[in-house]
C-alpha cells in the first residue's frame, strides 16, 4: 500500500523548469485571431447589443401599454 503512494508522489515532481517548458510548448499551439477578425467580431457584438437593447425597450413599452389598458378596463368594469 505504501508503494502506490510513493509512486504517485514521484510522478508529480517535475519542477518549475518542466512546467515553464510545457507551458511554452502549449502557447506555441495557440492560434490568435487576426486584427480584422477581432474588428468584425466586435462590430457584430455591438450591433447585437444595440438590437437587443432596442427590442427589450419596445417589449417593455408594450407591456406597460397593455398593463395600463387592463387597469383602465378593470376600473371601468368595477366602476372606479
PDB file of N, CA and C in Angstrom:
ATOM      1  N   UNK A   1       0.825  -1.182   0.000  1.00  0.00           N
ATOM      2  CA  UNK A   1       0.000   0.000   0.000  1.00  0.00           C
ATOM      3  C   UNK A   1       0.865   1.240   0.000  1.00  0.00           C
ATOM      4  N   UNK A   2       1.938   1.240   0.745  1.00  0.00           N
ATOM      5  CA  UNK A   2       2.800   2.417   0.795  1.00  0.00           C
ATOM      6  C   UNK A   2       3.568   2.603  -0.516  1.00  0.00           C
ATOM      7  N   UNK A   3       3.743   1.546  -1.275  1.00  0.00           N
ATOM      8  CA  UNK A   3       4.451   1.656  -2.552  1.00  0.00           C
ATOM      9  C   UNK A   3       3.641   2.480  -3.561  1.00  0.00           C
ATOM     10  N   UNK A   4       2.333   2.313  -3.572  1.00  0.00           N
ATOM     11  CA  UNK A   4       1.489   3.053  -4.513  1.00  0.00           C
ATOM     12  C   UNK A   4       1.536   4.541  -4.215  1.00  0.00           C
ATOM     13  N   UNK A   5       1.544   4.905  -2.967  1.00  0.00           N
ATOM     14  CA  UNK A   5       1.607   6.312  -2.590  1.00  0.00           C
ATOM     15  C   UNK A   5       2.949   6.898  -2.993  1.00  0.00           C
ATOM     16  N   UNK A   6       4.014   6.148  -2.848  1.00  0.00           N
ATOM     17  CA  UNK A   6       5.347   6.622  -3.209  1.00  0.00           C
ATOM     18  C   UNK A   6       5.478   6.886  -4.699  1.00  0.00           C
ATOM     19  N   UNK A   7       4.861   6.062  -5.537  1.00  0.00           N
ATOM     20  CA  UNK A   7       4.972   6.260  -6.977  1.00  0.00           C
ATOM     21  C   UNK A   7       4.163   7.476  -7.436  1.00  0.00           C
ATOM     22  N   UNK A   8       3.053   7.752  -6.803  1.00  0.00           N
ATOM     23  CA  UNK A   8       2.254   8.922  -7.168  1.00  0.00           C
ATOM     24  C   UNK A   8       3.031  10.190  -6.864  1.00  0.00           C
ATOM     25  N   UNK A   9       3.666  10.255  -5.735  1.00  0.00           N
ATOM     26  CA  UNK A   9       4.435  11.444  -5.355  1.00  0.00           C
ATOM     27  C   UNK A   9       5.616  11.668  -6.300  1.00  0.00           C
ATOM     28  N   UNK A  10       6.245  10.600  -6.763  1.00  0.00           N
ATOM     29  CA  UNK A  10       7.378  10.743  -7.676  1.00  0.00           C
ATOM     30  C   UNK A  10       6.928  11.255  -9.041  1.00  0.00           C
ATOM     31  N   UNK A  11       5.748  10.863  -9.489  1.00  0.00           N
ATOM     32  CA  UNK A  11       5.245  11.306 -10.787  1.00  0.00           C
ATOM     33  C   UNK A  11       4.888  12.783 -10.780  1.00  0.00           C
ATOM     34  N   UNK A  12       4.487  13.303  -9.652  1.00  0.00           N
ATOM     35  CA  UNK A  12       4.087  14.698  -9.563  1.00  0.00           C
ATOM     36  C   UNK A  12       5.275  15.647  -9.598  1.00  0.00           C
ATOM     37  N   UNK A  13       6.402  15.182  -9.216  1.00  0.00           N
ATOM     38  CA  UNK A  13       7.580  16.055  -9.167  1.00  0.00           C
ATOM     39  C   UNK A  13       8.097  16.290 -10.576  1.00  0.00           C
ATOM     40  N   UNK A  14       8.235  17.525 -10.936  1.00  0.00           N
ATOM     41  CA  UNK A  14       8.756  17.844 -12.252  1.00  0.00           C
ATOM     42  C   UNK A  14       9.549  19.127 -12.185  1.00  0.00           C
ATOM     43  N   UNK A  15       9.244  19.928 -11.227  1.00  0.00           N
ATOM     44  CA  UNK A  15       9.956  21.174 -11.062  1.00  0.00           C
ATOM     45  C   UNK A  15       9.357  22.292 -11.881  1.00  0.00           C
ATOM     46  N   UNK A  16       9.762  23.467 -11.539  1.00  0.00           N
ATOM     47  CA  UNK A  16       9.254  24.661 -12.205  1.00  0.00           C
ATOM     48  C   UNK A  16       9.757  24.756 -13.641  1.00  0.00           C
ATOM     49  N   UNK A  17      10.959  24.267 -13.891  1.00  0.00           N
ATOM     50  CA  UNK A  17      11.510  24.304 -15.248  1.00  0.00           C
ATOM     51  C   UNK A  17      10.680  23.494 -16.218  1.00  0.00           C
ATOM     52  N   UNK A  18      10.254  22.309 -15.789  1.00  0.00           N
ATOM     53  CA  UNK A  18       9.421  21.466 -16.637  1.00  0.00           C
ATOM     54  C   UNK A  18       8.078  22.143 -16.893  1.00  0.00           C
ATOM     55  N   UNK A  19       7.543  22.770 -15.862  1.00  0.00           N
ATOM     56  CA  UNK A  19       6.268  23.474 -16.011  1.00  0.00           C
ATOM     57  C   UNK A  19       6.387  24.604 -17.030  1.00  0.00           C
ATOM     58  N   UNK A  20       7.445  25.396 -16.936  1.00  0.00           N
ATOM     59  CA  UNK A  20       7.639  26.513 -17.864  1.00  0.00           C
ATOM     60  C   UNK A  20       7.823  25.994 -19.286  1.00  0.00           C
ATOM     61  N   UNK A  21       8.592  24.942 -19.431  1.00  0.00           N
ATOM     62  CA  UNK A  21       8.823  24.361 -20.762  1.00  0.00           C
ATOM     63  C   UNK A  21       7.522  23.868 -21.383  1.00  0.00           C
ATOM     64  N   UNK A  22       6.728  23.140 -20.611  1.00  0.00           N
ATOM     65  CA  UNK A  22       5.463  22.624 -21.122  1.00  0.00           C
ATOM     66  C   UNK A  22       4.492  23.757 -21.429  1.00  0.00           C
ATOM     67  N   UNK A  23       4.522  24.799 -20.614  1.00  0.00           N
ATOM     68  CA  UNK A  23       3.645  25.947 -20.850  1.00  0.00           C
ATOM     69  C   UNK A  23       4.004  26.638 -22.155  1.00  0.00           C
ATOM     70  N   UNK A  24       5.278  26.831 -22.406  1.00  0.00           N
ATOM     71  CA  UNK A  24       5.714  27.458 -23.658  1.00  0.00           C
ATOM     72  C   UNK A  24       5.314  26.624 -24.863  1.00  0.00           C
ATOM     73  N   UNK A  25       5.420  25.298 -24.747  1.00  0.00           N
ATOM     74  CA  UNK A  25       5.018  24.421 -25.843  1.00  0.00           C
ATOM     75  C   UNK A  25       3.520  24.555 -26.128  1.00  0.00           C
ATOM     76  N   UNK A  26       2.717  24.655 -25.092  1.00  0.00           N
ATOM     77  CA  UNK A  26       1.280  24.799 -25.274  1.00  0.00           C
ATOM     78  C   UNK A  26       0.923  26.152 -25.873  1.00  0.00           C
ATOM     79  N   UNK A  27       1.625  27.211 -25.473  1.00  0.00           N
ATOM     80  CA  UNK A  27       1.353  28.546 -26.010  1.00  0.00           C
ATOM     81  C   UNK A  27       1.695  28.600 -27.489  1.00  0.00           C
ATOM     82  N   UNK A  28       2.684  27.858 -27.925  1.00  0.00           N
ATOM     83  CA  UNK A  28       3.036  27.817 -29.353  1.00  0.00           C
ATOM     84  C   UNK A  28       1.916  27.211 -30.184  1.00  0.00           C
ATOM     85  N   UNK A  29       1.094  26.354 -29.584  1.00  0.00           N
ATOM     86  CA  UNK A  29      -0.001  25.704 -30.296  1.00  0.00           C
ATOM     87  C   UNK A  29      -1.220  26.613 -30.446  1.00  0.00           C
ATOM     88  N   UNK A  30      -1.266  27.696 -29.692  1.00  0.00           N
ATOM     89  CA  UNK A  30      -2.427  28.577 -29.695  1.00  0.00           C
ATOM     90  C   UNK A  30      -2.428  29.420 -30.966  1.00  0.00           C
ATOM     91  N   UNK A  31      -3.591  29.550 -31.574  1.00  0.00           N
ATOM     92  CA  UNK A  31      -3.721  30.430 -32.743  1.00  0.00           C
ATOM     93  C   UNK A  31      -4.548  31.647 -32.332  1.00  0.00           C
ATOM     94  N   UNK A  32      -3.995  32.814 -32.533  1.00  0.00           N
ATOM     95  CA  UNK A  32      -4.662  34.047 -32.157  1.00  0.00           C
ATOM     96  C   UNK A  32      -5.375  34.620 -33.376  1.00  0.00           C
ATOM     97  N   UNK A  33      -6.533  35.271 -33.177  1.00  0.00           N
ATOM     98  CA  UNK A  33      -7.262  35.827 -34.312  1.00  0.00           C
ATOM     99  C   UNK A  33      -6.547  37.040 -34.899  1.00  0.00           C
ATOM    100  N   UNK A  34      -6.793  37.297 -36.171  1.00  0.00           N
ATOM    101  CA  UNK A  34      -6.189  38.458 -36.816  1.00  0.00           C
ATOM    102  C   UNK A  34      -6.920  39.721 -36.365  1.00  0.00           C
ATOM    103  N   UNK A  35      -6.323  40.857 -36.657  1.00  0.00           N
ATOM    104  CA  UNK A  35      -6.921  42.137 -36.274  1.00  0.00           C
ATOM    105  C   UNK A  35      -8.290  42.313 -36.942  1.00  0.00           C
ATOM    106  N   UNK A  36      -8.381  41.896 -38.205  1.00  0.00           N
ATOM    107  CA  UNK A  36      -9.641  42.011 -38.950  1.00  0.00           C
ATOM    108  C   UNK A  36     -10.730  41.149 -38.318  1.00  0.00           C
ATOM    109  N   UNK A  37     -10.388  39.934 -37.886  1.00  0.00           N
ATOM    110  CA  UNK A  37     -11.358  39.066 -37.229  1.00  0.00           C
ATOM    111  C   UNK A  37     -11.879  39.695 -35.938  1.00  0.00           C
ATOM    112  N   UNK A  38     -10.978  40.280 -35.169  1.00  0.00           N
ATOM    113  CA  UNK A  38     -11.376  40.909 -33.906  1.00  0.00           C
ATOM    114  C   UNK A  38     -12.286  42.103 -34.176  1.00  0.00           C
ATOM    115  N   UNK A  39     -11.965  42.910 -35.178  1.00  0.00           N
ATOM    116  CA  UNK A  39     -12.795  44.069 -35.506  1.00  0.00           C
ATOM    117  C   UNK A  39     -14.182  43.637 -35.968  1.00  0.00           C
ATOM    118  N   UNK A  40     -14.237  42.637 -36.832  1.00  0.00           N
ATOM    119  CA  UNK A  40     -15.535  42.157 -37.320  1.00  0.00           C
ATOM    120  C   UNK A  40     -16.383  41.580 -36.191  1.00  0.00           C
ATOM    121  N   UNK A  41     -15.773  40.811 -35.332  1.00  0.00           N
ATOM    122  CA  UNK A  41     -16.498  40.233 -34.211  1.00  0.00           C
ATOM    123  C   UNK A  41     -16.990  41.317 -33.263  1.00  0.00           C
ATOM    124  N   UNK A  42     -16.162  42.333 -33.032  1.00  0.00           N
ATOM    125  CA  UNK A  42     -16.558  43.435 -32.162  1.00  0.00           C
ATOM    126  C   UNK A  42     -17.750  44.178 -32.744  1.00  0.00           C
ATOM    127  N   UNK A  43     -17.745  44.420 -34.046  1.00  0.00           N
ATOM    128  CA  UNK A  43     -18.883  45.086 -34.679  1.00  0.00           C
ATOM    129  C   UNK A  43     -20.160  44.257 -34.555  1.00  0.00           C
ATOM    130  N   UNK A  44     -20.040  42.955 -34.696  1.00  0.00           N
ATOM    131  CA  UNK A  44     -21.204  42.078 -34.554  1.00  0.00           C
ATOM    132  C   UNK A  44     -21.748  42.155 -33.131  1.00  0.00           C
ATOM    133  N   UNK A  45     -20.865  42.143 -32.156  1.00  0.00           N
ATOM    134  CA  UNK A  45     -21.303  42.218 -30.760  1.00  0.00           C
ATOM    135  C   UNK A  45     -21.995  43.548 -30.487  1.00  0.00           C
ATOM    136  N   UNK A  46     -21.421  44.651 -30.950  1.00  0.00           N
ATOM    137  CA  UNK A  46     -22.017  45.970 -30.726  1.00  0.00           C
ATOM    138  C   UNK A  46     -23.389  46.056 -31.402  1.00  0.00           C
ATOM    139  N   UNK A  47     -23.498  45.555 -32.628  1.00  0.00           N
ATOM    140  CA  UNK A  47     -24.779  45.572 -33.328  1.00  0.00           C
ATOM    141  C   UNK A  47     -25.824  44.742 -32.576  1.00  0.00           C
ATOM    142  N   UNK A  48     -25.430  43.594 -32.066  1.00  0.00           N
ATOM    143  CA  UNK A  48     -26.366  42.755 -31.310  1.00  0.00           C
ATOM    144  C   UNK A  48     -26.807  43.426 -30.013  1.00  0.00           C
ATOM    145  N   UNK A  49     -25.889  44.082 -29.330  1.00  0.00           N
ATOM    146  CA  UNK A  49     -26.242  44.769 -28.088  1.00  0.00           C
ATOM    147  C   UNK A  49     -27.262  45.878 -28.370  1.00  0.00           C
ATOM    148  N   UNK A  50     -27.022  46.653 -29.419  1.00  0.00           N
ATOM    149  CA  UNK A  50     -27.959  47.729 -29.775  1.00  0.00           C
ATOM    150  C   UNK A  50     -29.315  47.151 -30.168  1.00  0.00           C
ATOM    151  N   UNK A  51     -29.317  46.102 -30.983  1.00  0.00           N
ATOM    152  CA  UNK A  51     -30.571  45.477 -31.410  1.00  0.00           C
ATOM    153  C   UNK A  51     -31.372  44.972 -30.220  1.00  0.00           C
ATOM    154  N   UNK A  52     -30.734  44.213 -29.331  1.00  0.00           N
ATOM    155  CA  UNK A  52     -31.472  43.644 -28.208  1.00  0.00           C
ATOM    156  C   UNK A  52     -31.875  44.703 -27.184  1.00  0.00           C
ATOM    157  N   UNK A  53     -31.086  45.761 -27.029  1.00  0.00           N
ATOM    158  CA  UNK A  53     -31.490  46.861 -26.152  1.00  0.00           C
ATOM    159  C   UNK A  53     -32.755  47.511 -26.687  1.00  0.00           C
ATOM    160  N   UNK A  54     -32.799  47.774 -27.983  1.00  0.00           N
ATOM    161  CA  UNK A  54     -33.982  48.364 -28.602  1.00  0.00           C
ATOM    162  C   UNK A  54     -35.173  47.407 -28.529  1.00  0.00           C
ATOM    163  N   UNK A  55     -34.937  46.149 -28.810  1.00  0.00           N
ATOM    164  CA  UNK A  55     -36.004  45.147 -28.749  1.00  0.00           C
ATOM    165  C   UNK A  55     -36.601  45.062 -27.353  1.00  0.00           C
ATOM    166  N   UNK A  56     -35.753  44.967 -26.328  1.00  0.00           N
ATOM    167  CA  UNK A  56     -36.255  44.857 -24.962  1.00  0.00           C
ATOM    168  C   UNK A  56     -36.956  46.139 -24.515  1.00  0.00           C
ATOM    169  N   UNK A  57     -36.480  47.291 -24.983  1.00  0.00           N
ATOM    170  CA  UNK A  57     -37.156  48.547 -24.676  1.00  0.00           C
ATOM    171  C   UNK A  57     -38.568  48.547 -25.256  1.00  0.00           C
ATOM    172  N   UNK A  58     -38.698  48.115 -26.504  1.00  0.00           N
ATOM    173  CA  UNK A  58     -40.013  48.089 -27.139  1.00  0.00           C
ATOM    174  C   UNK A  58     -40.945  47.073 -26.476  1.00  0.00           C
ATOM    175  N   UNK A  59     -40.427  45.924 -26.117  1.00  0.00           N
ATOM    176  CA  UNK A  59     -41.245  44.923 -25.424  1.00  0.00           C
ATOM    177  C   UNK A  59     -41.699  45.477 -24.073  1.00  0.00           C
ATOM    178  N   UNK A  60     -40.815  46.153 -23.360  1.00  0.00           N
ATOM    179  CA  UNK A  60     -41.163  46.741 -22.073  1.00  0.00           C
ATOM    180  C   UNK A  60     -42.250  47.795 -22.241  1.00  0.00           C
ATOM    181  N   UNK A  61     -42.116  48.642 -23.255  1.00  0.00           N
ATOM    182  CA  UNK A  61     -43.132  49.670 -23.501  1.00  0.00           C
ATOM    183  C   UNK A  61     -44.468  49.034 -23.875  1.00  0.00           C
ATOM    184  N   UNK A  62     -44.452  47.952 -24.614  1.00  0.00           N
ATOM    185  CA  UNK A  62     -45.686  47.259 -24.979  1.00  0.00           C
ATOM    186  C   UNK A  62     -46.371  46.704 -23.736  1.00  0.00           C
ATOM    187  N   UNK A  63     -45.597  46.111 -22.835  1.00  0.00           N
ATOM    188  CA  UNK A  63     -46.181  45.582 -21.599  1.00  0.00           C
ATOM    189  C   UNK A  63     -46.757  46.700 -20.741  1.00  0.00           C
ATOM    190  N   UNK A  64     -46.090  47.844 -20.694  1.00  0.00           N
ATOM    191  CA  UNK A  64     -46.621  48.980 -19.934  1.00  0.00           C
ATOM    192  C   UNK A  64     -47.963  49.395 -20.530  1.00  0.00           C
ATOM    193  N   UNK A  65     -48.041  49.492 -21.850  1.00  0.00           N
ATOM    194  CA  UNK A  65     -49.275  49.859 -22.533  1.00  0.00           C
ATOM    195  C   UNK A  65     -50.377  48.845 -22.234  1.00  0.00           C
ATOM    196  N   UNK A  66     -50.050  47.563 -22.294  1.00  0.00           N
ATOM    197  CA  UNK A  66     -51.034  46.511 -22.023  1.00  0.00           C
ATOM    198  C   UNK A  66     -51.520  46.569 -20.579  1.00  0.00           C
ATOM    199  N   UNK A  67     -50.611  46.725 -19.643  1.00  0.00           N
ATOM    200  CA  UNK A  67     -50.983  46.771 -18.215  1.00  0.00           C
ATOM    201  C   UNK A  67     -51.870  47.967 -17.930  1.00  0.00           C
ATOM    202  N   UNK A  68     -51.513  49.152 -18.462  1.00  0.00           N
ATOM    203  CA  UNK A  68     -52.350  50.331 -18.250  1.00  0.00           C
ATOM    204  C   UNK A  68     -53.724  50.144 -18.899  1.00  0.00           C
ATOM    205  N   UNK A  69     -53.770  49.506 -20.049  1.00  0.00           N
ATOM    206  CA  UNK A  69     -55.043  49.221 -20.699  1.00  0.00           C
ATOM    207  C   UNK A  69     -55.894  48.294 -19.869  1.00  0.00           C
ATOM    208  N   UNK A  70     -55.308  47.230 -19.338  1.00  0.00           N
ATOM    209  CA  UNK A  70     -56.052  46.308 -18.473  1.00  0.00           C
ATOM    210  C   UNK A  70     -56.522  47.007 -17.203  1.00  0.00           C
ATOM    211  N   UNK A  71     -55.681  47.854 -16.672  1.00  0.00           N
ATOM    212  CA  UNK A  71     -56.050  48.593 -15.469  1.00  0.00           C
ATOM    213  C   UNK A  71     -57.258  49.497 -15.761  1.00  0.00           C
ATOM    214  N   UNK A  72     -57.263  50.132 -16.908  1.00  0.00           N
ATOM    215  CA  UNK A  72     -58.368  51.009 -17.291  1.00  0.00           C
ATOM    216  C   UNK A  72     -59.656  50.200 -17.477  1.00  0.00           C
ATOM    217  N   UNK A  73     -59.561  49.036 -18.160  1.00  0.00           N
ATOM    218  CA  UNK A  73     -60.728  48.195 -18.379  1.00  0.00           C
ATOM    219  C   UNK A  73     -61.294  47.690 -17.059  1.00  0.00           C
ATOM    220  N   UNK A  74     -60.422  47.224 -16.177  1.00  0.00           N
ATOM    221  CA  UNK A  74     -60.881  46.724 -14.880  1.00  0.00           C
ATOM    222  C   UNK A  74     -61.509  47.856 -14.070  1.00  0.00           C
ATOM    223  N   UNK A  75     -60.924  49.056 -14.171  1.00  0.00           N
ATOM    224  CA  UNK A  75     -61.509  50.202 -13.488  1.00  0.00           C
ATOM    225  C   UNK A  75     -62.902  50.529 -14.006  1.00  0.00           C
ATOM    226  N   UNK A  76     -63.114  50.439 -15.311  1.00  0.00           N
ATOM    227  CA  UNK A  76     -64.437  50.699 -15.893  1.00  0.00           C
ATOM    228  C   UNK A  76     -65.443  49.629 -15.474  1.00  0.00           C
ATOM    229  N   UNK A  77     -64.994  48.353 -15.449  1.00  0.00           N
ATOM    230  CA  UNK A  77     -65.880  47.258 -15.073  1.00  0.00           C
ATOM    231  C   UNK A  77     -66.257  47.375 -13.595  1.00  0.00           C
ATOM    232  N   UNK A  78     -65.278  47.692 -12.769  1.00  0.00           N
ATOM    233  CA  UNK A  78     -65.519  47.775 -11.332  1.00  0.00           C
ATOM    234  C   UNK A  78     -66.207  49.069 -10.944  1.00  0.00           C
ATOM    235  N   UNK A  79     -66.231  50.029 -11.856  1.00  0.00           N
ATOM    236  CA  UNK A  79     -66.895  51.296 -11.571  1.00  0.00           C
ATOM    237  C   UNK A  79     -66.062  52.243 -10.748  1.00  0.00           C
ATOM    238  N   UNK A  80     -64.756  52.112 -10.838  1.00  0.00           N
ATOM    239  CA  UNK A  80     -63.874  53.002 -10.074  1.00  0.00           C
ATOM    240  C   UNK A  80     -63.543  54.255 -10.836  1.00  0.00           C
TER     241      UNK A  80
END
